[in-house]
Amino acid sequence: MAIAVFVGLSTLDIAYSVARYPDEDTKTQAHDQFLGAGGPAANAAVTFAALSGRTPALVTALGEHQLAHVIRHDLDEHGVAPLDATPGERHRPPVSSIIVATEAGTRTIVSLDGSAISAPFDPTHVRPLNDAAIVLVDGHYPELAFGFATAARARGIPVVLDGGRWKDSHAGLLPLIDIAICSAAFAPPGVAGGADGLFDHLHAQGVRHAAITYGGKPIRYSTPDERGEIAVAGADMVAVDTLGAGDIMHGAFCHYHVAGQSFPQALRSAAGIATLACCHLGTRAWIADLPR
């Protein structure tokens, strides 16, 4: 049973932990290394699986390149069922190279975003929606995002947008979105007025519930009935690695929303999971610290 469907980008993440960011043209011995599937939709799906004990579906572009097999293995190991929109293709999946500077609690990423990969929507692939209580799209593969958001809307399934940075495709996607959780970098052209201006714009497009995250700072949110902010519990903790924290929050939000929590409470609970993840290297080690 899918329970949740995540639609978007999968990458291969290779992260190295060092005390501080290396100088140019030097060699540095890493303290630790993380290798696994990454990308907004993939990380969110792994998080949902870890919290719920259910098997979510991940609709993405993998193909048959040898690196795609590494991604598949990691997803399978963490309870995620991938649905490949590009079966038989030989494209190389995007690879993200990451340096985590633990003394500063920051990360630097060099990657490709999958924009060179064509991932068409196939209406026969919507079967996971039959068992879905929520759908998340990250917008990285526009045809998949539009197709699944449209199909979910027709079935009355709430659609969540992971709004990292504005993409031109978002303009047509927003009317299909029920819940938008955006980073502070999400900036639609011509929209001014800070958080309130963005909330007004999102609601005008049909988005009912919206939130803006600011790292460890309070989360701003807006519903048809109220606007407010939520303090991030544990925000004063020393972050080891912020890699994928936003992705993890989105996956956790989907879990808590499906579990019946109110919009503000689901945001609060999800922020707590993202904070926990920041205390570990990579996007998986935090799972071992979940209460059983």
C-alpha atoms as a PDB file:
ATOM      1  CA  MET A   1       0.000   0.000   0.000  1.00  0.00           C
ATOM      2  CA  ALA A   2       1.540   3.298  -1.133  1.00  0.00           C
ATOM      3  CA  ILE A   3      -0.175   5.621   1.388  1.00  0.00           C
ATOM      4  CA  ALA A   4       2.060   8.408   0.007  1.00  0.00           C
ATOM      5  CA  VAL A   5       3.408   9.100  -3.470  1.00  0.00           C
ATOM      6  CA  PHE A   6       6.497  11.248  -4.011  1.00  0.00           C
ATOM      7  CA  VAL A   7       7.189  12.616  -7.483  1.00  0.00           C
ATOM      8  CA  GLY A   8      10.470  14.157  -8.569  1.00  0.00           C
ATOM      9  CA  LEU A   9      14.225  14.035  -8.454  1.00  0.00           C
ATOM     10  CA  SER A  10      16.529  11.198  -7.431  1.00  0.00           C
ATOM     11  CA  THR A  11      20.278  11.718  -7.336  1.00  0.00           C
ATOM     12  CA  LEU A  12      23.314   9.845  -6.118  1.00  0.00           C
ATOM     13  CA  ASP A  13      24.743  11.778  -3.164  1.00  0.00           C
ATOM     14  CA  ILE A  14      28.419  11.491  -2.210  1.00  0.00           C
ATOM     15  CA  ALA A  15      29.157  13.508   0.918  1.00  0.00           C
ATOM     16  CA  TYR A  16      32.443  13.981   2.750  1.00  0.00           C
ATOM     17  CA  SER A  17      32.771  15.261   6.298  1.00  0.00           C
ATOM     18  CA  VAL A  18      35.674  17.601   7.073  1.00  0.00           C
ATOM     19  CA  ALA A  19      36.317  20.030   9.919  1.00  0.00           C
ATOM     20  CA  ARG A  20      36.360  23.073   7.656  1.00  0.00           C
ATOM     21  CA  TYR A  21      35.986  23.739   3.956  1.00  0.00           C
ATOM     22  CA  PRO A  22      39.264  22.947   2.100  1.00  0.00           C
ATOM     23  CA  ASP A  23      41.393  25.612   0.482  1.00  0.00           C
ATOM     24  CA  GLU A  24      41.514  25.648  -3.297  1.00  0.00           C
ATOM     25  CA  ASP A  25      43.970  23.239  -4.966  1.00  0.00           C
ATOM     26  CA  THR A  26      44.619  21.142  -1.842  1.00  0.00           C
ATOM     27  CA  LYS A  27      44.086  17.554  -0.736  1.00  0.00           C
ATOM     28  CA  THR A  28      42.063  16.896   2.408  1.00  0.00           C
ATOM     29  CA  GLN A  29      41.507  13.716   4.408  1.00  0.00           C
ATOM     30  CA  ALA A  30      37.786  13.323   5.167  1.00  0.00           C
ATOM     31  CA  HIS A  31      36.568  12.251   8.600  1.00  0.00           C
ATOM     32  CA  ASP A  32      33.578  10.345   7.255  1.00  0.00           C
ATOM     33  CA  GLN A  33      31.639   9.659   4.064  1.00  0.00           C
ATOM     34  CA  PHE A  34      28.002   9.198   3.078  1.00  0.00           C
ATOM     35  CA  LEU A  35      26.876   7.501  -0.138  1.00  0.00           C
ATOM     36  CA  GLY A  36      23.221   7.049  -0.994  1.00  0.00           C
ATOM     37  CA  ALA A  37      20.170   8.230  -2.869  1.00  0.00           C
ATOM     38  CA  GLY A  38      19.409  11.926  -2.653  1.00  0.00           C
ATOM     39  CA  GLY A  39      17.163  14.544  -4.161  1.00  0.00           C
ATOM     40  CA  PRO A  40      14.098  16.250  -2.671  1.00  0.00           C
ATOM     41  CA  ALA A  41      11.493  13.620  -3.551  1.00  0.00           C
ATOM     42  CA  ALA A  42      13.763  10.658  -2.751  1.00  0.00           C
ATOM     43  CA  ASN A  43      14.815  11.972   0.664  1.00  0.00           C
ATOM     44  CA  ALA A  44      11.209  12.827   1.510  1.00  0.00           C
ATOM     45  CA  ALA A  45      10.087   9.321   0.557  1.00  0.00           C
ATOM     46  CA  VAL A  46      12.775   7.701   2.729  1.00  0.00           C
ATOM     47  CA  THR A  47      11.717   9.897   5.637  1.00  0.00           C
ATOM     48  CA  PHE A  48       8.057   8.954   5.236  1.00  0.00           C
ATOM     49  CA  ALA A  49       8.982   5.277   5.167  1.00  0.00           C
ATOM     50  CA  ALA A  50      11.134   5.589   8.296  1.00  0.00           C
ATOM     51  CA  LEU A  51       8.441   7.367  10.298  1.00  0.00           C
ATOM     52  CA  SER A  52       5.374   5.485   9.125  1.00  0.00           C
ATOM     53  CA  GLY A  53       6.659   1.957   8.590  1.00  0.00           C
ATOM     54  CA  ARG A  54       4.770   2.026   5.269  1.00  0.00           C
ATOM     55  CA  THR A  55       6.144   1.685   1.743  1.00  0.00           C
ATOM     56  CA  PRO A  56       5.693   4.932  -0.205  1.00  0.00           C
ATOM     57  CA  ALA A  57       5.993   5.123  -3.977  1.00  0.00           C
ATOM     58  CA  LEU A  58       8.680   7.304  -5.563  1.00  0.00           C
ATOM     59  CA  VAL A  59       8.001   8.310  -9.160  1.00  0.00           C
ATOM     60  CA  THR A  60      11.305   9.424 -10.651  1.00  0.00           C
ATOM     61  CA  ALA A  61      13.750   9.016 -13.550  1.00  0.00           C
ATOM     62  CA  LEU A  62      16.302   6.260 -12.955  1.00  0.00           C
ATOM     63  CA  GLY A  63      17.020   4.374 -16.164  1.00  0.00           C
ATOM     64  CA  GLU A  64      19.513   1.503 -16.439  1.00  0.00           C
ATOM     65  CA  HIS A  65      22.846   3.246 -15.869  1.00  0.00           C
ATOM     66  CA  GLN A  66      25.043   1.414 -13.355  1.00  0.00           C
ATOM     67  CA  LEU A  67      24.785   4.350 -10.928  1.00  0.00           C
ATOM     68  CA  ALA A  68      21.009   4.021 -10.984  1.00  0.00           C
ATOM     69  CA  HIS A  69      21.397   0.554  -9.474  1.00  0.00           C
ATOM     70  CA  VAL A  70      23.154   2.101  -6.458  1.00  0.00           C
ATOM     71  CA  ILE A  71      20.203   4.480  -6.010  1.00  0.00           C
ATOM     72  CA  ARG A  72      17.695   1.630  -6.341  1.00  0.00           C
ATOM     73  CA  HIS A  73      19.534  -0.454  -3.753  1.00  0.00           C
ATOM     74  CA  ASP A  74      19.494   2.384  -1.219  1.00  0.00           C
ATOM     75  CA  LEU A  75      15.790   3.087  -1.797  1.00  0.00           C
ATOM     76  CA  ASP A  76      14.942  -0.603  -1.421  1.00  0.00           C
ATOM     77  CA  GLU A  77      17.000  -0.831   1.756  1.00  0.00           C
ATOM     78  CA  HIS A  78      15.004   2.045   3.253  1.00  0.00           C
ATOM     79  CA  GLY A  79      11.561   0.821   2.315  1.00  0.00           C
ATOM     80  CA  VAL A  80      10.780   2.944  -0.749  1.00  0.00           C
ATOM     81  CA  ALA A  81       9.239   1.516  -3.934  1.00  0.00           C
ATOM     82  CA  PRO A  82      10.575   3.392  -7.003  1.00  0.00           C
ATOM     83  CA  LEU A  83       8.516   3.718 -10.161  1.00  0.00           C
ATOM     84  CA  ASP A  84      10.862   4.525 -13.039  1.00  0.00           C
ATOM     85  CA  ALA A  85       9.499   6.999 -15.597  1.00  0.00           C
ATOM     86  CA  THR A  86      12.437   6.251 -17.917  1.00  0.00           C
ATOM     87  CA  PRO A  87      12.691   2.444 -18.083  1.00  0.00           C
ATOM     88  CA  GLY A  88      15.373   1.149 -20.394  1.00  0.00           C
ATOM     89  CA  GLU A  89      17.093   4.527 -20.767  1.00  0.00           C
ATOM     90  CA  ARG A  90      20.873   4.727 -20.311  1.00  0.00           C
ATOM     91  CA  HIS A  91      21.230   8.298 -19.071  1.00  0.00           C
ATOM     92  CA  ARG A  92      23.517   8.862 -16.098  1.00  0.00           C
ATOM     93  CA  PRO A  93      21.515   9.934 -13.026  1.00  0.00           C
ATOM     94  CA  PRO A  94      22.498  13.271 -11.467  1.00  0.00           C
ATOM     95  CA  VAL A  95      25.373  12.985  -8.998  1.00  0.00           C
ATOM     96  CA  SER A  96      25.731  15.443  -6.116  1.00  0.00           C
ATOM     97  CA  SER A  97      29.192  15.991  -4.613  1.00  0.00           C
ATOM     98  CA  ILE A  98      28.940  17.429  -1.110  1.00  0.00           C
ATOM     99  CA  ILE A  99      31.439  18.805   1.370  1.00  0.00           C
ATOM    100  CA  VAL A 100      30.151  19.034   4.951  1.00  0.00           C
ATOM    101  CA  ALA A 101      32.141  21.451   7.142  1.00  0.00           C
ATOM    102  CA  THR A 102      31.300  20.228  10.633  1.00  0.00           C
ATOM    103  CA  GLU A 103      32.839  23.109  12.588  1.00  0.00           C
ATOM    104  CA  ALA A 104      30.495  25.566  10.886  1.00  0.00           C
ATOM    105  CA  GLY A 105      27.619  23.117  10.406  1.00  0.00           C
ATOM    106  CA  THR A 106      27.375  24.010   6.714  1.00  0.00           C
ATOM    107  CA  ARG A 107      27.447  22.075   3.464  1.00  0.00           C
ATOM    108  CA  THR A 108      28.500  22.964  -0.074  1.00  0.00           C
ATOM    109  CA  ILE A 109      26.952  21.077  -2.985  1.00  0.00           C
ATOM    110  CA  VAL A 110      27.972  20.754  -6.616  1.00  0.00           C
ATOM    111  CA  SER A 111      25.408  18.827  -8.634  1.00  0.00           C
ATOM    112  CA  LEU A 112      23.193  18.462 -11.663  1.00  0.00           C
ATOM    113  CA  ASP A 113      19.428  18.750 -11.254  1.00  0.00           C
ATOM    114  CA  GLY A 114      18.105  16.363 -13.855  1.00  0.00           C
ATOM    115  CA  SER A 115      17.036  19.126 -16.244  1.00  0.00           C
ATOM    116  CA  ALA A 116      18.803  17.325 -19.113  1.00  0.00           C
ATOM    117  CA  ILE A 117      16.702  14.181 -18.554  1.00  0.00           C
ATOM    118  CA  SER A 118      13.322  13.832 -20.246  1.00  0.00           C
ATOM    119  CA  ALA A 119      10.846  12.126 -17.905  1.00  0.00           C
ATOM    120  CA  PRO A 120       7.461  11.918 -19.639  1.00  0.00           C
ATOM    121  CA  PHE A 121       4.210  11.322 -17.794  1.00  0.00           C
ATOM    122  CA  ASP A 122       2.593   7.968 -18.505  1.00  0.00           C
ATOM    123  CA  PRO A 123      -1.062   7.755 -17.396  1.00  0.00           C
ATOM    124  CA  THR A 124      -0.616   4.020 -16.804  1.00  0.00           C
ATOM    125  CA  HIS A 125       1.809   4.831 -13.978  1.00  0.00           C
ATOM    126  CA  VAL A 126      -0.789   6.426 -11.685  1.00  0.00           C
ATOM    127  CA  ARG A 127      -1.765   3.128 -10.053  1.00  0.00           C
ATOM    128  CA  PRO A 128       0.003   4.037  -6.749  1.00  0.00           C
ATOM    129  CA  LEU A 129      -2.573   6.823  -6.362  1.00  0.00           C
ATOM    130  CA  ASN A 130      -5.214   4.166  -5.708  1.00  0.00           C
ATOM    131  CA  ASP A 131      -3.799   3.716  -2.201  1.00  0.00           C
ATOM    132  CA  ALA A 132      -2.469   7.231  -1.644  1.00  0.00           C
ATOM    133  CA  ALA A 133      -3.529   9.616   1.098  1.00  0.00           C
ATOM    134  CA  ILE A 134      -1.092  12.339   0.012  1.00  0.00           C
ATOM    135  CA  VAL A 135       1.103  13.235  -2.976  1.00  0.00           C
ATOM    136  CA  LEU A 136       4.246  15.377  -2.917  1.00  0.00           C
ATOM    137  CA  VAL A 137       5.809  16.925  -6.017  1.00  0.00           C
ATOM    138  CA  ASP A 138       9.174  18.697  -6.060  1.00  0.00           C
ATOM    139  CA  GLY A 139       8.742  20.114  -9.585  1.00  0.00           C
ATOM    140  CA  HIS A 140      12.034  18.807 -10.950  1.00  0.00           C
ATOM    141  CA  TYR A 141      10.389  16.805 -13.727  1.00  0.00           C
ATOM    142  CA  PRO A 142       7.543  19.092 -14.840  1.00  0.00           C
ATOM    143  CA  GLU A 143       5.653  16.524 -16.924  1.00  0.00           C
ATOM    144  CA  LEU A 144       5.575  14.089 -14.010  1.00  0.00           C
ATOM    145  CA  ALA A 145       4.612  16.840 -11.565  1.00  0.00           C
ATOM    146  CA  PHE A 146       1.724  18.099 -13.727  1.00  0.00           C
ATOM    147  CA  GLY A 147       0.504  14.609 -14.554  1.00  0.00           C
ATOM    148  CA  PHE A 148       0.459  13.279 -11.012  1.00  0.00           C
ATOM    149  CA  ALA A 149      -0.843  16.513  -9.474  1.00  0.00           C
ATOM    150  CA  THR A 150      -3.701  16.569 -11.978  1.00  0.00           C
ATOM    151  CA  ALA A 151      -4.529  12.901 -11.369  1.00  0.00           C
ATOM    152  CA  ALA A 152      -4.364  13.353  -7.591  1.00  0.00           C
ATOM    153  CA  ARG A 153      -6.592  16.424  -7.730  1.00  0.00           C
ATOM    154  CA  ALA A 154      -9.176  14.448  -9.722  1.00  0.00           C
ATOM    155  CA  ARG A 155      -9.180  11.800  -6.963  1.00  0.00           C
ATOM    156  CA  GLY A 156      -9.405  14.323  -4.120  1.00  0.00           C
ATOM    157  CA  ILE A 157      -5.920  13.487  -2.838  1.00  0.00           C
ATOM    158  CA  PRO A 158      -4.094  16.484  -1.297  1.00  0.00           C
ATOM    159  CA  VAL A 159      -1.019  17.587  -3.239  1.00  0.00           C
ATOM    160  CA  VAL A 160       2.003  19.048  -1.436  1.00  0.00           C
ATOM    161  CA  LEU A 161       4.603  21.203  -3.183  1.00  0.00           C
ATOM    162  CA  ASP A 162       8.217  21.148  -2.070  1.00  0.00           C
ATOM    163  CA  GLY A 163       9.035  24.711  -3.101  1.00  0.00           C
ATOM    164  CA  GLY A 164      12.799  25.093  -2.954  1.00  0.00           C
ATOM    165  CA  ARG A 165      13.662  27.671  -5.577  1.00  0.00           C
ATOM    166  CA  TRP A 166      11.243  29.134  -8.096  1.00  0.00           C
ATOM    167  CA  LYS A 167      11.045  27.339 -11.443  1.00  0.00           C
ATOM    168  CA  ASP A 168       9.116  28.622 -14.447  1.00  0.00           C
ATOM    169  CA  SER A 169       7.028  25.444 -14.383  1.00  0.00           C
ATOM    170  CA  HIS A 170       5.675  26.414 -10.953  1.00  0.00           C
ATOM    171  CA  ALA A 171       3.446  29.042 -12.543  1.00  0.00           C
ATOM    172  CA  GLY A 172       1.222  26.381 -14.092  1.00  0.00           C
ATOM    173  CA  LEU A 173       1.647  23.906 -11.231  1.00  0.00           C
ATOM    174  CA  LEU A 174       0.456  26.092  -8.344  1.00  0.00           C
ATOM    175  CA  PRO A 175      -3.272  25.872  -9.224  1.00  0.00           C
ATOM    176  CA  LEU A 176      -2.981  22.104  -8.669  1.00  0.00           C
ATOM    177  CA  ILE A 177      -1.372  22.445  -5.225  1.00  0.00           C
ATOM    178  CA  ASP A 178      -3.232  22.178  -1.909  1.00  0.00           C
ATOM    179  CA  ILE A 179      -0.268  22.637   0.452  1.00  0.00           C
ATOM    180  CA  ALA A 180       2.919  24.550  -0.383  1.00  0.00           C
ATOM    181  CA  ILE A 181       5.937  24.351   1.918  1.00  0.00           C
ATOM    182  CA  CYS A 182       8.535  26.735   0.543  1.00  0.00           C
ATOM    183  CA  SER A 183      12.027  27.802   1.455  1.00  0.00           C
ATOM    184  CA  ALA A 184      12.856  31.458   1.954  1.00  0.00           C
ATOM    185  CA  ALA A 185      14.502  31.322  -1.496  1.00  0.00           C
ATOM    186  CA  PHE A 186      11.167  30.597  -3.228  1.00  0.00           C
ATOM    187  CA  ALA A 187      10.519  33.867  -5.079  1.00  0.00           C
ATOM    188  CA  PRO A 188       7.865  34.029  -7.825  1.00  0.00           C
ATOM    189  CA  PRO A 189       8.588  36.850 -10.296  1.00  0.00           C
ATOM    190  CA  GLY A 190       6.851  40.099  -9.466  1.00  0.00           C
ATOM    191  CA  VAL A 191       5.741  39.036  -5.993  1.00  0.00           C
ATOM    192  CA  ALA A 192       6.808  41.523  -3.305  1.00  0.00           C
ATOM    193  CA  GLY A 193       5.867  42.072   0.312  1.00  0.00           C
ATOM    194  CA  GLY A 194       7.914  39.375   2.011  1.00  0.00           C
ATOM    195  CA  ALA A 195       6.168  36.375   3.553  1.00  0.00           C
ATOM    196  CA  ASP A 196       2.724  37.977   3.503  1.00  0.00           C
ATOM    197  CA  GLY A 197       3.096  38.854  -0.164  1.00  0.00           C
ATOM    198  CA  LEU A 198       4.072  35.275  -0.984  1.00  0.00           C
ATOM    199  CA  PHE A 199       1.181  33.896   1.061  1.00  0.00           C
ATOM    200  CA  ASP A 200      -1.263  36.183  -0.726  1.00  0.00           C
ATOM    201  CA  HIS A 201       0.094  35.031  -4.081  1.00  0.00           C
ATOM    202  CA  LEU A 202      -0.100  31.347  -3.184  1.00  0.00           C
ATOM    203  CA  HIS A 203      -3.664  31.623  -1.872  1.00  0.00           C
ATOM    204  CA  ALA A 204      -4.705  33.519  -4.995  1.00  0.00           C
ATOM    205  CA  GLN A 205      -3.458  30.540  -7.049  1.00  0.00           C
ATOM    206  CA  GLY A 206      -5.639  28.167  -5.041  1.00  0.00           C
ATOM    207  CA  VAL A 207      -3.129  26.939  -2.444  1.00  0.00           C
ATOM    208  CA  ARG A 208      -5.052  26.536   0.836  1.00  0.00           C
ATOM    209  CA  HIS A 209      -2.204  25.967   3.283  1.00  0.00           C
ATOM    210  CA  ALA A 210       1.286  27.433   2.945  1.00  0.00           C
ATOM    211  CA  ALA A 211       4.478  27.663   4.964  1.00  0.00           C
ATOM    212  CA  ILE A 212       7.902  29.254   4.582  1.00  0.00           C
ATOM    213  CA  THR A 213      10.972  27.780   6.248  1.00  0.00           C
ATOM    214  CA  TYR A 214      14.058  29.777   7.268  1.00  0.00           C
ATOM    215  CA  GLY A 215      16.521  27.140   8.411  1.00  0.00           C
ATOM    216  CA  GLY A 216      16.611  27.100  12.199  1.00  0.00           C
ATOM    217  CA  LYS A 217      14.470  30.228  12.480  1.00  0.00           C
ATOM    218  CA  PRO A 218      10.701  30.115  13.125  1.00  0.00           C
ATOM    219  CA  ILE A 219       8.489  28.787  10.344  1.00  0.00           C
ATOM    220  CA  ARG A 220       5.863  31.164   8.995  1.00  0.00           C
ATOM    221  CA  TYR A 221       2.550  29.637   7.980  1.00  0.00           C
ATOM    222  CA  SER A 222      -0.787  30.692   6.541  1.00  0.00           C
ATOM    223  CA  THR A 223      -4.177  28.979   6.330  1.00  0.00           C
ATOM    224  CA  PRO A 224      -7.617  30.259   5.306  1.00  0.00           C
ATOM    225  CA  ASP A 225      -8.246  31.019   8.992  1.00  0.00           C
ATOM    226  CA  GLU A 226      -4.973  32.271  10.444  1.00  0.00           C
ATOM    227  CA  ARG A 227      -1.345  33.243   9.990  1.00  0.00           C
ATOM    228  CA  GLY A 228       1.360  32.607  12.516  1.00  0.00           C
ATOM    229  CA  GLU A 229       4.812  31.237  13.181  1.00  0.00           C
ATOM    230  CA  ILE A 230       6.222  28.134  14.775  1.00  0.00           C
ATOM    231  CA  ALA A 231       9.455  28.037  16.740  1.00  0.00           C
ATOM    232  CA  VAL A 232      11.753  25.202  15.678  1.00  0.00           C
ATOM    233  CA  ALA A 233      12.438  23.040  18.732  1.00  0.00           C
ATOM    234  CA  GLY A 234      16.129  22.346  19.207  1.00  0.00           C
ATOM    235  CA  ALA A 235      17.154  25.096  16.799  1.00  0.00           C
ATOM    236  CA  ASP A 236      19.929  26.034  19.244  1.00  0.00           C
ATOM    237  CA  MET A 237      21.530  22.589  18.900  1.00  0.00           C
ATOM    238  CA  VAL A 238      24.860  22.387  17.115  1.00  0.00           C
ATOM    239  CA  ALA A 239      24.221  21.260  13.546  1.00  0.00           C
ATOM    240  CA  VAL A 240      26.617  18.675  12.152  1.00  0.00           C
ATOM    241  CA  ASP A 241      25.161  18.509   8.652  1.00  0.00           C
ATOM    242  CA  THR A 242      22.182  20.330   7.146  1.00  0.00           C
ATOM    243  CA  LEU A 243      22.220  18.228   3.958  1.00  0.00           C
ATOM    244  CA  GLY A 244      18.657  17.308   2.965  1.00  0.00           C
ATOM    245  CA  ALA A 245      17.093  18.895   6.049  1.00  0.00           C
ATOM    246  CA  GLY A 246      14.359  20.532   3.992  1.00  0.00           C
ATOM    247  CA  ASP A 247      13.649  17.302   2.105  1.00  0.00           C
ATOM    248  CA  ILE A 248      13.417  15.400   5.377  1.00  0.00           C
ATOM    249  CA  MET A 249      11.028  17.991   6.785  1.00  0.00           C
ATOM    250  CA  HIS A 250       8.739  17.620   3.766  1.00  0.00           C
ATOM    251  CA  GLY A 251       8.639  13.848   4.088  1.00  0.00           C
ATOM    252  CA  ALA A 252       8.001  14.105   7.820  1.00  0.00           C
ATOM    253  CA  PHE A 253       5.219  16.641   7.241  1.00  0.00           C
ATOM    254  CA  CYS A 254       3.496  14.212   4.869  1.00  0.00           C
ATOM    255  CA  HIS A 255       3.658  11.505   7.545  1.00  0.00           C
ATOM    256  CA  TYR A 256       2.231  13.690  10.299  1.00  0.00           C
ATOM    257  CA  HIS A 257      -0.432  15.153   8.005  1.00  0.00           C
ATOM    258  CA  VAL A 258      -1.606  11.671   7.029  1.00  0.00           C
ATOM    259  CA  ALA A 259      -1.554  10.742  10.731  1.00  0.00           C
ATOM    260  CA  GLY A 260      -4.167  13.443  11.357  1.00  0.00           C
ATOM    261  CA  GLN A 261      -2.194  16.291  12.869  1.00  0.00           C
ATOM    262  CA  SER A 262      -3.322  19.853  12.174  1.00  0.00           C
ATOM    263  CA  PHE A 263      -1.310  21.876   9.674  1.00  0.00           C
ATOM    264  CA  PRO A 264       0.649  23.863  12.317  1.00  0.00           C
ATOM    265  CA  GLN A 265       1.240  20.781  14.470  1.00  0.00           C
ATOM    266  CA  ALA A 266       2.424  18.712  11.503  1.00  0.00           C
ATOM    267  CA  LEU A 267       4.868  21.496  10.631  1.00  0.00           C
ATOM    268  CA  ARG A 268       6.115  21.564  14.225  1.00  0.00           C
ATOM    269  CA  SER A 269       6.563  17.795  14.377  1.00  0.00           C
ATOM    270  CA  ALA A 270       8.294  17.722  10.999  1.00  0.00           C
ATOM    271  CA  ALA A 271      10.677  20.504  12.015  1.00  0.00           C
ATOM    272  CA  GLY A 272      11.688  18.404  15.012  1.00  0.00           C
ATOM    273  CA  ILE A 273      12.623  15.512  12.722  1.00  0.00           C
ATOM    274  CA  ALA A 274      14.626  17.835  10.463  1.00  0.00           C
ATOM    275  CA  THR A 275      16.494  19.153  13.510  1.00  0.00           C
ATOM    276  CA  LEU A 276      17.305  15.599  14.568  1.00  0.00           C
ATOM    277  CA  ALA A 277      18.649  14.877  11.081  1.00  0.00           C
ATOM    278  CA  CYS A 278      20.978  17.892  11.250  1.00  0.00           C
ATOM    279  CA  CYS A 279      22.786  16.246  14.172  1.00  0.00           C
ATOM    280  CA  HIS A 280      24.046  13.453  11.906  1.00  0.00           C
ATOM    281  CA  LEU A 281      26.150  13.166   8.766  1.00  0.00           C
ATOM    282  CA  GLY A 282      24.168  12.435   5.640  1.00  0.00           C
ATOM    283  CA  THR A 283      20.460  11.865   5.284  1.00  0.00           C
ATOM    284  CA  ARG A 284      20.059   8.412   6.845  1.00  0.00           C
ATOM    285  CA  ALA A 285      21.971   8.135  10.146  1.00  0.00           C
ATOM    286  CA  TRP A 286      19.255  10.039  12.066  1.00  0.00           C
ATOM    287  CA  ILE A 287      16.822   7.162  11.492  1.00  0.00           C
ATOM    288  CA  ALA A 288      18.643   5.008  14.040  1.00  0.00           C
ATOM    289  CA  ASP A 289      17.873   7.604  16.735  1.00  0.00           C
ATOM    290  CA  LEU A 290      14.094   7.545  16.237  1.00  0.00           C
ATOM    291  CA  PRO A 291      12.128   6.334  19.295  1.00  0.00           C
ATOM    292  CA  ARG A 292      10.937   2.779  18.801  1.00  0.00           C
END
